């Protein structure tokens, strides 16, 4: 009998050991995640509802087992809302820890310098992981940059961050402006910066272009910036053709070929560097500029010198077969 009792005790101990291993492996062993998978924890979700969602998506095998083990072995920290990456072979323990302490997947949208608001709107509306409708933002209100967002976030929230970034940058940059700049308020600085942004794609030229247009503003000269002709026609989108003479002669609140001073509003969303250039322009006597064939411009102080630069540019274009 003693031997039988020892045998029974041994069997029970073995069963307990096997049961313990099974119970522990159900927490620290691999879950049902066969490949890297994104999982969304809804806002306000409880651990029970998340466990049920995990089971519905085939990522854990047993809701009750997950919850029992979580209560015994897991942290009591709350779970976070958001989208998380669950790697292949992840354990149930790691799943819970990810929801409690892991990094929410961040996605990104980039607004390049000089992107007009109509295209900002199209870009945000095309982001499939954002939600809700937004109007076309006010021109010049968005700071070009790369912004992160969470899956399911409202487009209005992302746009609000972009506009807050512009306001914050202007509030920081405006007090650092040079004493003798050509504009006397932030709005006009943004308008002039939007012209500078569209007139040159060469970063090294921005302050020079800003200095040239600042001179024209002070002198009461026509700014004669081609992008201000295009803006009322396309709202900043590429024109796709040459500007017509009738468009050069058009009278409206933007065309700086037929009006003195700044247009009534920005013609794009200028970046930090274009704004900084307007607030601290190059000291120059230049009033004229024309393309030089390298992606930049030839600058001139006098109309006579400018006309010579224009002749050189036409010669370059003829050599290229453009005229």
C-alpha atoms as a PDB file:
ATOM      1  CA  UNK A   1       0.000   0.000   0.000  1.00  0.00           C
ATOM      2  CA  UNK A   2       2.842   2.322   0.788  1.00  0.00           C
ATOM      3  CA  UNK A   3       4.261   1.835  -2.688  1.00  0.00           C
ATOM      4  CA  UNK A   4       0.852   2.475  -4.229  1.00  0.00           C
ATOM      5  CA  UNK A   5       0.463   5.645  -2.177  1.00  0.00           C
ATOM      6  CA  UNK A   6       3.859   6.876  -3.305  1.00  0.00           C
ATOM      7  CA  UNK A   7       2.980   6.071  -6.895  1.00  0.00           C
ATOM      8  CA  UNK A   8      -0.288   7.995  -6.644  1.00  0.00           C
ATOM      9  CA  UNK A   9       1.481  10.930  -5.030  1.00  0.00           C
ATOM     10  CA  UNK A  10       4.077  10.858  -7.760  1.00  0.00           C
ATOM     11  CA  UNK A  11       1.427  10.805 -10.472  1.00  0.00           C
ATOM     12  CA  UNK A  12      -0.398  13.699  -8.832  1.00  0.00           C
ATOM     13  CA  UNK A  13       2.842  15.671  -8.547  1.00  0.00           C
ATOM     14  CA  UNK A  14       3.572  14.995 -12.188  1.00  0.00           C
ATOM     15  CA  UNK A  15       0.086  16.088 -13.194  1.00  0.00           C
ATOM     16  CA  UNK A  16       0.448  19.242 -11.110  1.00  0.00           C
ATOM     17  CA  UNK A  17       3.813  19.949 -12.711  1.00  0.00           C
ATOM     18  CA  UNK A  18       2.407  19.390 -16.184  1.00  0.00           C
ATOM     19  CA  UNK A  19      -0.569  21.577 -15.331  1.00  0.00           C
ATOM     20  CA  UNK A  20       1.687  24.299 -13.995  1.00  0.00           C
ATOM     21  CA  UNK A  21       3.844  24.174 -17.116  1.00  0.00           C
ATOM     22  CA  UNK A  22       0.740  24.320 -19.283  1.00  0.00           C
ATOM     23  CA  UNK A  23      -0.652  27.249 -17.282  1.00  0.00           C
ATOM     24  CA  UNK A  24       2.613  29.170 -17.414  1.00  0.00           C
ATOM     25  CA  UNK A  25       3.260  28.442 -21.077  1.00  0.00           C
ATOM     26  CA  UNK A  26      -0.208  29.781 -21.811  1.00  0.00           C
ATOM     27  CA  UNK A  27       1.073  33.133 -20.621  1.00  0.00           C
ATOM     28  CA  UNK A  28       4.752  33.265 -21.549  1.00  0.00           C
ATOM     29  CA  UNK A  29       4.688  30.869 -24.488  1.00  0.00           C
ATOM     30  CA  UNK A  30       3.761  31.882 -28.030  1.00  0.00           C
ATOM     31  CA  UNK A  31       0.234  33.213 -28.589  1.00  0.00           C
ATOM     32  CA  UNK A  32      -1.696  32.706 -31.851  1.00  0.00           C
ATOM     33  CA  UNK A  33       0.019  35.551 -33.727  1.00  0.00           C
ATOM     34  CA  UNK A  34       1.510  33.881 -36.803  1.00  0.00           C
ATOM     35  CA  UNK A  35       2.750  37.047 -38.538  1.00  0.00           C
ATOM     36  CA  UNK A  36       3.369  40.670 -37.640  1.00  0.00           C
ATOM     37  CA  UNK A  37      -0.104  42.097 -37.061  1.00  0.00           C
ATOM     38  CA  UNK A  38      -1.459  45.524 -36.199  1.00  0.00           C
ATOM     39  CA  UNK A  39      -4.152  45.601 -33.533  1.00  0.00           C
ATOM     40  CA  UNK A  40      -6.344  48.519 -32.505  1.00  0.00           C
ATOM     41  CA  UNK A  41      -7.359  49.041 -28.887  1.00  0.00           C
ATOM     42  CA  UNK A  42     -10.480  51.225 -29.064  1.00  0.00           C
ATOM     43  CA  UNK A  43     -10.713  54.291 -26.853  1.00  0.00           C
ATOM     44  CA  UNK A  44     -12.290  53.416 -23.489  1.00  0.00           C
ATOM     45  CA  UNK A  45     -12.048  49.646 -24.069  1.00  0.00           C
ATOM     46  CA  UNK A  46     -11.792  47.329 -21.059  1.00  0.00           C
ATOM     47  CA  UNK A  47      -9.308  44.464 -20.851  1.00  0.00           C
ATOM     48  CA  UNK A  48     -12.210  42.015 -21.186  1.00  0.00           C
ATOM     49  CA  UNK A  49     -13.469  43.609 -24.400  1.00  0.00           C
ATOM     50  CA  UNK A  50      -9.909  43.742 -25.759  1.00  0.00           C
ATOM     51  CA  UNK A  51      -9.415  40.038 -24.966  1.00  0.00           C
ATOM     52  CA  UNK A  52     -12.634  39.237 -26.795  1.00  0.00           C
ATOM     53  CA  UNK A  53     -11.454  41.325 -29.757  1.00  0.00           C
ATOM     54  CA  UNK A  54      -8.109  39.489 -29.730  1.00  0.00           C
ATOM     55  CA  UNK A  55      -9.942  36.162 -29.825  1.00  0.00           C
ATOM     56  CA  UNK A  56     -12.285  37.329 -32.596  1.00  0.00           C
ATOM     57  CA  UNK A  57      -9.237  38.269 -34.685  1.00  0.00           C
ATOM     58  CA  UNK A  58      -7.583  34.899 -33.979  1.00  0.00           C
ATOM     59  CA  UNK A  59      -4.711  36.339 -31.966  1.00  0.00           C
ATOM     60  CA  UNK A  60      -5.370  34.449 -28.706  1.00  0.00           C
ATOM     61  CA  UNK A  61      -7.011  31.088 -28.191  1.00  0.00           C
ATOM     62  CA  UNK A  62      -8.891  31.497 -24.913  1.00  0.00           C
ATOM     63  CA  UNK A  63     -10.454  34.694 -23.545  1.00  0.00           C
ATOM     64  CA  UNK A  64     -10.969  33.381 -19.998  1.00  0.00           C
ATOM     65  CA  UNK A  65      -7.487  31.897 -19.863  1.00  0.00           C
ATOM     66  CA  UNK A  66      -5.976  35.192 -21.025  1.00  0.00           C
ATOM     67  CA  UNK A  67      -7.909  37.184 -18.419  1.00  0.00           C
ATOM     68  CA  UNK A  68      -7.092  34.790 -15.549  1.00  0.00           C
ATOM     69  CA  UNK A  69      -3.397  34.769 -16.356  1.00  0.00           C
ATOM     70  CA  UNK A  70      -3.409  38.541 -16.822  1.00  0.00           C
ATOM     71  CA  UNK A  71      -4.880  38.963 -13.355  1.00  0.00           C
ATOM     72  CA  UNK A  72      -2.306  36.628 -11.774  1.00  0.00           C
ATOM     73  CA  UNK A  73       0.856  37.460 -13.699  1.00  0.00           C
ATOM     74  CA  UNK A  74       0.203  40.788 -15.436  1.00  0.00           C
ATOM     75  CA  UNK A  75       0.635  44.373 -14.342  1.00  0.00           C
ATOM     76  CA  UNK A  76      -2.327  46.261 -12.956  1.00  0.00           C
ATOM     77  CA  UNK A  77      -1.471  49.274 -15.135  1.00  0.00           C
ATOM     78  CA  UNK A  78      -4.297  50.429 -17.438  1.00  0.00           C
ATOM     79  CA  UNK A  79      -4.243  49.596 -21.123  1.00  0.00           C
ATOM     80  CA  UNK A  80      -3.833  52.394 -23.679  1.00  0.00           C
ATOM     81  CA  UNK A  81      -5.957  53.155 -26.710  1.00  0.00           C
ATOM     82  CA  UNK A  82      -4.355  53.148 -30.130  1.00  0.00           C
ATOM     83  CA  UNK A  83      -2.871  50.938 -32.808  1.00  0.00           C
ATOM     84  CA  UNK A  84      -0.120  48.518 -31.760  1.00  0.00           C
ATOM     85  CA  UNK A  85       2.161  46.141 -33.638  1.00  0.00           C
ATOM     86  CA  UNK A  86       2.058  42.535 -32.390  1.00  0.00           C
ATOM     87  CA  UNK A  87       5.077  40.677 -33.803  1.00  0.00           C
ATOM     88  CA  UNK A  88       4.861  37.063 -34.958  1.00  0.00           C
ATOM     89  CA  UNK A  89       5.268  34.607 -32.084  1.00  0.00           C
ATOM     90  CA  UNK A  90       4.501  37.181 -29.397  1.00  0.00           C
ATOM     91  CA  UNK A  91       3.353  35.786 -26.020  1.00  0.00           C
ATOM     92  CA  UNK A  92       0.143  36.671 -24.232  1.00  0.00           C
ATOM     93  CA  UNK A  93       2.285  38.314 -21.552  1.00  0.00           C
ATOM     94  CA  UNK A  94       3.969  40.500 -24.176  1.00  0.00           C
ATOM     95  CA  UNK A  95       0.602  41.373 -25.733  1.00  0.00           C
ATOM     96  CA  UNK A  96      -0.670  42.754 -22.424  1.00  0.00           C
ATOM     97  CA  UNK A  97       2.599  44.581 -21.766  1.00  0.00           C
ATOM     98  CA  UNK A  98       2.421  46.135 -25.241  1.00  0.00           C
ATOM     99  CA  UNK A  99      -1.057  47.480 -24.551  1.00  0.00           C
ATOM    100  CA  UNK A 100       0.047  48.843 -21.177  1.00  0.00           C
ATOM    101  CA  UNK A 101       3.535  50.172 -21.862  1.00  0.00           C
ATOM    102  CA  UNK A 102       4.258  49.844 -25.594  1.00  0.00           C
ATOM    103  CA  UNK A 103       4.521  52.435 -28.334  1.00  0.00           C
ATOM    104  CA  UNK A 104       1.432  53.310 -30.327  1.00  0.00           C
ATOM    105  CA  UNK A 105       2.041  53.018 -34.086  1.00  0.00           C
ATOM    106  CA  UNK A 106       2.544  56.501 -35.466  1.00  0.00           C
ATOM    107  CA  UNK A 107       1.884  57.290 -39.105  1.00  0.00           C
ATOM    108  CA  UNK A 108       3.168  60.346 -40.936  1.00  0.00           C
ATOM    109  CA  UNK A 109       1.968  62.927 -43.427  1.00  0.00           C
ATOM    110  CA  UNK A 110       4.338  65.441 -45.014  1.00  0.00           C
ATOM    111  CA  UNK A 111       3.409  68.931 -46.164  1.00  0.00           C
ATOM    112  CA  UNK A 112       6.274  70.226 -48.356  1.00  0.00           C
ATOM    113  CA  UNK A 113       7.319  73.856 -48.301  1.00  0.00           C
ATOM    114  CA  UNK A 114       5.197  75.841 -50.706  1.00  0.00           C
ATOM    115  CA  UNK A 115       2.270  73.410 -50.868  1.00  0.00           C
ATOM    116  CA  UNK A 116      -0.930  75.465 -51.325  1.00  0.00           C
ATOM    117  CA  UNK A 117      -3.874  74.802 -49.060  1.00  0.00           C
ATOM    118  CA  UNK A 118      -5.976  73.168 -51.764  1.00  0.00           C
ATOM    119  CA  UNK A 119      -3.307  70.458 -52.050  1.00  0.00           C
ATOM    120  CA  UNK A 120      -2.941  70.215 -48.263  1.00  0.00           C
ATOM    121  CA  UNK A 121      -6.655  69.456 -48.182  1.00  0.00           C
ATOM    122  CA  UNK A 122      -6.330  66.820 -50.897  1.00  0.00           C
ATOM    123  CA  UNK A 123      -3.388  65.190 -49.114  1.00  0.00           C
ATOM    124  CA  UNK A 124      -5.188  64.954 -45.780  1.00  0.00           C
ATOM    125  CA  UNK A 125      -8.381  63.694 -47.384  1.00  0.00           C
ATOM    126  CA  UNK A 126      -6.368  60.996 -49.192  1.00  0.00           C
ATOM    127  CA  UNK A 127      -4.953  59.614 -45.915  1.00  0.00           C
ATOM    128  CA  UNK A 128      -7.060  56.471 -45.499  1.00  0.00           C
ATOM    129  CA  UNK A 129      -6.236  56.078 -41.799  1.00  0.00           C
ATOM    130  CA  UNK A 130      -7.629  59.508 -40.903  1.00  0.00           C
ATOM    131  CA  UNK A 131     -11.312  60.173 -40.303  1.00  0.00           C
ATOM    132  CA  UNK A 132     -13.807  62.979 -40.827  1.00  0.00           C
ATOM    133  CA  UNK A 133     -14.148  65.891 -43.198  1.00  0.00           C
ATOM    134  CA  UNK A 134     -12.216  69.169 -43.216  1.00  0.00           C
ATOM    135  CA  UNK A 135     -12.564  72.366 -45.244  1.00  0.00           C
ATOM    136  CA  UNK A 136      -9.724  73.706 -47.351  1.00  0.00           C
ATOM    137  CA  UNK A 137      -7.570  75.484 -44.750  1.00  0.00           C
ATOM    138  CA  UNK A 138      -6.941  79.195 -44.961  1.00  0.00           C
ATOM    139  CA  UNK A 139      -3.980  79.845 -47.263  1.00  0.00           C
ATOM    140  CA  UNK A 140      -0.779  80.449 -45.333  1.00  0.00           C
ATOM    141  CA  UNK A 141      -2.138  78.967 -42.090  1.00  0.00           C
ATOM    142  CA  UNK A 142      -0.315  75.601 -42.289  1.00  0.00           C
ATOM    143  CA  UNK A 143       3.358  75.197 -41.407  1.00  0.00           C
ATOM    144  CA  UNK A 144       5.032  72.821 -43.880  1.00  0.00           C
ATOM    145  CA  UNK A 145       6.565  69.904 -41.987  1.00  0.00           C
ATOM    146  CA  UNK A 146       6.132  66.175 -41.335  1.00  0.00           C
ATOM    147  CA  UNK A 147       3.387  65.398 -38.826  1.00  0.00           C
ATOM    148  CA  UNK A 148       2.609  62.137 -37.092  1.00  0.00           C
ATOM    149  CA  UNK A 149      -0.864  60.793 -36.417  1.00  0.00           C
ATOM    150  CA  UNK A 150      -2.596  57.719 -35.083  1.00  0.00           C
ATOM    151  CA  UNK A 151      -4.853  55.468 -37.084  1.00  0.00           C
ATOM    152  CA  UNK A 152      -8.435  56.635 -36.748  1.00  0.00           C
ATOM    153  CA  UNK A 153      -7.485  60.173 -35.701  1.00  0.00           C
ATOM    154  CA  UNK A 154      -9.658  63.010 -36.971  1.00  0.00           C
ATOM    155  CA  UNK A 155      -8.339  65.004 -39.906  1.00  0.00           C
ATOM    156  CA  UNK A 156      -9.464  68.136 -38.089  1.00  0.00           C
ATOM    157  CA  UNK A 157      -7.118  67.301 -35.209  1.00  0.00           C
ATOM    158  CA  UNK A 158      -4.133  66.832 -37.520  1.00  0.00           C
ATOM    159  CA  UNK A 159      -4.929  70.066 -39.376  1.00  0.00           C
ATOM    160  CA  UNK A 160      -5.247  71.887 -36.052  1.00  0.00           C
ATOM    161  CA  UNK A 161      -1.723  70.762 -35.121  1.00  0.00           C
ATOM    162  CA  UNK A 162      -0.395  72.014 -38.459  1.00  0.00           C
ATOM    163  CA  UNK A 163      -2.007  75.397 -37.949  1.00  0.00           C
ATOM    164  CA  UNK A 164      -0.908  75.623 -34.326  1.00  0.00           C
ATOM    165  CA  UNK A 165       2.647  74.879 -35.471  1.00  0.00           C
ATOM    166  CA  UNK A 166       2.464  77.867 -37.847  1.00  0.00           C
ATOM    167  CA  UNK A 167       1.139  80.160 -35.126  1.00  0.00           C
ATOM    168  CA  UNK A 168       3.828  79.009 -32.706  1.00  0.00           C
ATOM    169  CA  UNK A 169       6.594  79.477 -35.262  1.00  0.00           C
ATOM    170  CA  UNK A 170       5.409  82.975 -36.177  1.00  0.00           C
ATOM    171  CA  UNK A 171       5.162  83.936 -32.507  1.00  0.00           C
ATOM    172  CA  UNK A 172       8.749  82.790 -32.057  1.00  0.00           C
ATOM    173  CA  UNK A 173      10.175  84.279 -35.281  1.00  0.00           C
ATOM    174  CA  UNK A 174       8.454  87.677 -35.376  1.00  0.00           C
ATOM    175  CA  UNK A 175      10.272  89.180 -32.338  1.00  0.00           C
ATOM    176  CA  UNK A 176      13.608  88.211 -33.960  1.00  0.00           C
ATOM    177  CA  UNK A 177      12.919  90.213 -37.138  1.00  0.00           C
ATOM    178  CA  UNK A 178      15.296  92.849 -38.437  1.00  0.00           C
ATOM    179  CA  UNK A 179      14.413  96.405 -37.499  1.00  0.00           C
ATOM    180  CA  UNK A 180      13.981  97.721 -41.042  1.00  0.00           C
ATOM    181  CA  UNK A 181      11.974  95.000 -42.788  1.00  0.00           C
ATOM    182  CA  UNK A 182       9.452  96.020 -45.444  1.00  0.00           C
ATOM    183  CA  UNK A 183       6.344  94.741 -43.619  1.00  0.00           C
ATOM    184  CA  UNK A 184       4.934  95.851 -40.300  1.00  0.00           C
ATOM    185  CA  UNK A 185       2.755  92.888 -39.303  1.00  0.00           C
ATOM    186  CA  UNK A 186       2.882  89.098 -39.250  1.00  0.00           C
ATOM    187  CA  UNK A 187       0.161  88.611 -41.867  1.00  0.00           C
ATOM    188  CA  UNK A 188       2.015  90.691 -44.452  1.00  0.00           C
ATOM    189  CA  UNK A 189       5.216  88.811 -43.594  1.00  0.00           C
ATOM    190  CA  UNK A 190       3.462  85.529 -44.415  1.00  0.00           C
ATOM    191  CA  UNK A 191       2.095  86.982 -47.666  1.00  0.00           C
ATOM    192  CA  UNK A 192       5.537  88.156 -48.763  1.00  0.00           C
ATOM    193  CA  UNK A 193       7.104  84.870 -47.628  1.00  0.00           C
ATOM    194  CA  UNK A 194       4.607  82.959 -49.761  1.00  0.00           C
ATOM    195  CA  UNK A 195       5.821  84.893 -52.821  1.00  0.00           C
ATOM    196  CA  UNK A 196       9.457  84.238 -51.938  1.00  0.00           C
ATOM    197  CA  UNK A 197       8.629  80.544 -51.484  1.00  0.00           C
ATOM    198  CA  UNK A 198       7.080  80.268 -54.935  1.00  0.00           C
ATOM    199  CA  UNK A 199       9.654  82.435 -56.720  1.00  0.00           C
ATOM    200  CA  UNK A 200      12.718  80.357 -55.898  1.00  0.00           C
ATOM    201  CA  UNK A 201      13.329  76.687 -55.228  1.00  0.00           C
ATOM    202  CA  UNK A 202      16.952  77.388 -54.372  1.00  0.00           C
ATOM    203  CA  UNK A 203      17.433  77.660 -50.585  1.00  0.00           C
ATOM    204  CA  UNK A 204      20.578  79.764 -50.914  1.00  0.00           C
ATOM    205  CA  UNK A 205      18.591  82.448 -52.801  1.00  0.00           C
ATOM    206  CA  UNK A 206      15.737  82.928 -50.356  1.00  0.00           C
ATOM    207  CA  UNK A 207      17.203  85.862 -48.439  1.00  0.00           C
ATOM    208  CA  UNK A 208      18.288  87.548 -51.677  1.00  0.00           C
ATOM    209  CA  UNK A 209      14.833  87.160 -53.227  1.00  0.00           C
ATOM    210  CA  UNK A 210      13.312  88.429 -49.981  1.00  0.00           C
ATOM    211  CA  UNK A 211      15.645  91.427 -50.100  1.00  0.00           C
ATOM    212  CA  UNK A 212      14.709  92.193 -53.707  1.00  0.00           C
ATOM    213  CA  UNK A 213      10.956  92.065 -53.055  1.00  0.00           C
ATOM    214  CA  UNK A 214      11.380  94.035 -49.847  1.00  0.00           C
ATOM    215  CA  UNK A 215      13.039  96.785 -51.916  1.00  0.00           C
ATOM    216  CA  UNK A 216      10.136  96.759 -54.358  1.00  0.00           C
ATOM    217  CA  UNK A 217       7.591  96.983 -51.538  1.00  0.00           C
ATOM    218  CA  UNK A 218       9.403  99.960 -50.020  1.00  0.00           C
ATOM    219  CA  UNK A 219       9.738 101.705 -53.397  1.00  0.00           C
ATOM    220  CA  UNK A 220       6.091 101.226 -54.303  1.00  0.00           C
ATOM    221  CA  UNK A 221       7.092  99.220 -57.388  1.00  0.00           C
ATOM    222  CA  UNK A 222       4.996  96.510 -58.987  1.00  0.00           C
ATOM    223  CA  UNK A 223       6.181  93.208 -57.543  1.00  0.00           C
ATOM    224  CA  UNK A 224       5.533  91.433 -60.869  1.00  0.00           C
ATOM    225  CA  UNK A 225       5.654  87.944 -59.357  1.00  0.00           C
ATOM    226  CA  UNK A 226       4.359  85.340 -61.823  1.00  0.00           C
ATOM    227  CA  UNK A 227       2.922  83.043 -59.107  1.00  0.00           C
ATOM    228  CA  UNK A 228       0.506  85.812 -58.099  1.00  0.00           C
ATOM    229  CA  UNK A 229      -0.957  85.663 -61.608  1.00  0.00           C
ATOM    230  CA  UNK A 230      -1.451  81.923 -61.363  1.00  0.00           C
ATOM    231  CA  UNK A 231      -2.992  81.770 -57.885  1.00  0.00           C
ATOM    232  CA  UNK A 232      -6.464  83.169 -58.734  1.00  0.00           C
ATOM    233  CA  UNK A 233      -6.643  80.749 -61.669  1.00  0.00           C
ATOM    234  CA  UNK A 234      -5.626  77.479 -59.973  1.00  0.00           C
ATOM    235  CA  UNK A 235      -5.562  78.296 -56.217  1.00  0.00           C
ATOM    236  CA  UNK A 236      -1.889  77.378 -56.286  1.00  0.00           C
ATOM    237  CA  UNK A 237      -1.965  74.213 -58.351  1.00  0.00           C
ATOM    238  CA  UNK A 238       0.449  74.057 -61.313  1.00  0.00           C
ATOM    239  CA  UNK A 239      -0.866  75.967 -64.312  1.00  0.00           C
ATOM    240  CA  UNK A 240       0.486  73.396 -66.749  1.00  0.00           C
ATOM    241  CA  UNK A 241       1.078  75.911 -69.507  1.00  0.00           C
ATOM    242  CA  UNK A 242       2.544  79.337 -70.120  1.00  0.00           C
ATOM    243  CA  UNK A 243       0.816  82.373 -68.686  1.00  0.00           C
ATOM    244  CA  UNK A 244      -1.333  84.174 -71.232  1.00  0.00           C
ATOM    245  CA  UNK A 245      -1.072  87.887 -71.939  1.00  0.00           C
ATOM    246  CA  UNK A 246      -4.698  88.301 -70.896  1.00  0.00           C
ATOM    247  CA  UNK A 247      -3.843  86.750 -67.512  1.00  0.00           C
ATOM    248  CA  UNK A 248      -0.851  89.069 -67.072  1.00  0.00           C
ATOM    249  CA  UNK A 249      -3.187  92.007 -67.687  1.00  0.00           C
ATOM    250  CA  UNK A 250      -5.965  90.699 -65.432  1.00  0.00           C
ATOM    251  CA  UNK A 251      -7.007  92.997 -62.615  1.00  0.00           C
ATOM    252  CA  UNK A 252      -7.732  91.236 -59.322  1.00  0.00           C
ATOM    253  CA  UNK A 253      -6.603  91.214 -55.712  1.00  0.00           C
ATOM    254  CA  UNK A 254      -3.619  88.935 -56.382  1.00  0.00           C
ATOM    255  CA  UNK A 255      -2.053  89.898 -59.707  1.00  0.00           C
ATOM    256  CA  UNK A 256       1.044  91.918 -58.813  1.00  0.00           C
ATOM    257  CA  UNK A 257       1.549  92.876 -62.462  1.00  0.00           C
ATOM    258  CA  UNK A 258      -1.509  95.136 -62.292  1.00  0.00           C
ATOM    259  CA  UNK A 259      -1.474  96.234 -58.646  1.00  0.00           C
ATOM    260  CA  UNK A 260       1.078  97.900 -56.408  1.00  0.00           C
ATOM    261  CA  UNK A 261       1.898  96.253 -53.096  1.00  0.00           C
ATOM    262  CA  UNK A 262       1.159  92.840 -51.679  1.00  0.00           C
ATOM    263  CA  UNK A 263      -1.718  90.618 -52.804  1.00  0.00           C
ATOM    264  CA  UNK A 264      -4.661  90.377 -50.444  1.00  0.00           C
ATOM    265  CA  UNK A 265      -3.478  87.067 -48.994  1.00  0.00           C
ATOM    266  CA  UNK A 266      -0.795  84.388 -49.158  1.00  0.00           C
ATOM    267  CA  UNK A 267      -0.494  82.379 -52.362  1.00  0.00           C
ATOM    268  CA  UNK A 268       0.805  79.233 -50.636  1.00  0.00           C
ATOM    269  CA  UNK A 269       1.932  77.915 -47.271  1.00  0.00           C
ATOM    270  CA  UNK A 270       5.489  79.192 -46.825  1.00  0.00           C
ATOM    271  CA  UNK A 271       8.042  77.210 -44.863  1.00  0.00           C
ATOM    272  CA  UNK A 272      10.188  78.343 -41.964  1.00  0.00           C
ATOM    273  CA  UNK A 273      13.112  79.374 -44.165  1.00  0.00           C
ATOM    274  CA  UNK A 274      11.029  81.563 -46.481  1.00  0.00           C
ATOM    275  CA  UNK A 275       9.467  83.304 -43.481  1.00  0.00           C
ATOM    276  CA  UNK A 276      12.870  83.733 -41.857  1.00  0.00           C
ATOM    277  CA  UNK A 277      14.193  85.220 -45.119  1.00  0.00           C
ATOM    278  CA  UNK A 278      11.465  87.872 -45.140  1.00  0.00           C
ATOM    279  CA  UNK A 279      12.078  88.695 -41.489  1.00  0.00           C
ATOM    280  CA  UNK A 280      15.834  88.931 -42.081  1.00  0.00           C
ATOM    281  CA  UNK A 281      16.332  89.664 -45.800  1.00  0.00           C
ATOM    282  CA  UNK A 282      19.682  90.096 -47.490  1.00  0.00           C
ATOM    283  CA  UNK A 283      20.998  93.641 -47.719  1.00  0.00           C
ATOM    284  CA  UNK A 284      20.880  94.299 -51.443  1.00  0.00           C
ATOM    285  CA  UNK A 285      20.169  97.041 -53.956  1.00  0.00           C
ATOM    286  CA  UNK A 286      18.715  94.554 -56.431  1.00  0.00           C
ATOM    287  CA  UNK A 287      15.241  95.289 -57.813  1.00  0.00           C
ATOM    288  CA  UNK A 288      15.171  92.846 -60.728  1.00  0.00           C
ATOM    289  CA  UNK A 289      15.757  89.154 -61.298  1.00  0.00           C
ATOM    290  CA  UNK A 290      15.401  86.621 -64.083  1.00  0.00           C
ATOM    291  CA  UNK A 291      16.132  82.899 -64.354  1.00  0.00           C
ATOM    292  CA  UNK A 292      19.760  82.098 -65.104  1.00  0.00           C
ATOM    293  CA  UNK A 293      19.366  78.581 -66.486  1.00  0.00           C
ATOM    294  CA  UNK A 294      20.774  76.813 -63.417  1.00  0.00           C
ATOM    295  CA  UNK A 295      17.608  76.741 -61.333  1.00  0.00           C
ATOM    296  CA  UNK A 296      18.522  80.067 -59.782  1.00  0.00           C
ATOM    297  CA  UNK A 297      18.318  83.706 -60.773  1.00  0.00           C
ATOM    298  CA  UNK A 298      20.477  86.539 -62.063  1.00  0.00           C
ATOM    299  CA  UNK A 299      19.905  89.675 -59.972  1.00  0.00           C
ATOM    300  CA  UNK A 300      20.245  93.267 -61.118  1.00  0.00           C
ATOM    301  CA  UNK A 301      20.110  96.726 -59.571  1.00  0.00           C
ATOM    302  CA  UNK A 302      19.141  98.567 -62.760  1.00  0.00           C
ATOM    303  CA  UNK A 303      16.689  97.931 -65.560  1.00  0.00           C
ATOM    304  CA  UNK A 304      19.528  98.145 -68.081  1.00  0.00           C
ATOM    305  CA  UNK A 305      21.465  95.373 -66.322  1.00  0.00           C
ATOM    306  CA  UNK A 306      18.265  93.366 -65.990  1.00  0.00           C
ATOM    307  CA  UNK A 307      17.559  93.597 -69.712  1.00  0.00           C
ATOM    308  CA  UNK A 308      21.012  92.167 -70.421  1.00  0.00           C
ATOM    309  CA  UNK A 309      20.268  89.263 -68.053  1.00  0.00           C
ATOM    310  CA  UNK A 310      16.934  88.696 -69.785  1.00  0.00           C
ATOM    311  CA  UNK A 311      18.711  88.568 -73.152  1.00  0.00           C
ATOM    312  CA  UNK A 312      21.089  85.923 -71.784  1.00  0.00           C
ATOM    313  CA  UNK A 313      18.135  83.897 -70.473  1.00  0.00           C
ATOM    314  CA  UNK A 314      16.385  84.036 -73.854  1.00  0.00           C
ATOM    315  CA  UNK A 315      19.603  82.871 -75.503  1.00  0.00           C
ATOM    316  CA  UNK A 316      19.769  79.911 -73.114  1.00  0.00           C
ATOM    317  CA  UNK A 317      16.169  79.027 -73.888  1.00  0.00           C
ATOM    318  CA  UNK A 318      16.786  79.204 -77.622  1.00  0.00           C
ATOM    319  CA  UNK A 319      19.763  76.860 -77.249  1.00  0.00           C
ATOM    320  CA  UNK A 320      17.502  74.459 -75.383  1.00  0.00           C
ATOM    321  CA  UNK A 321      14.867  74.632 -78.114  1.00  0.00           C
ATOM    322  CA  UNK A 322      12.338  76.265 -75.807  1.00  0.00           C
ATOM    323  CA  UNK A 323      11.868  79.322 -78.030  1.00  0.00           C
END
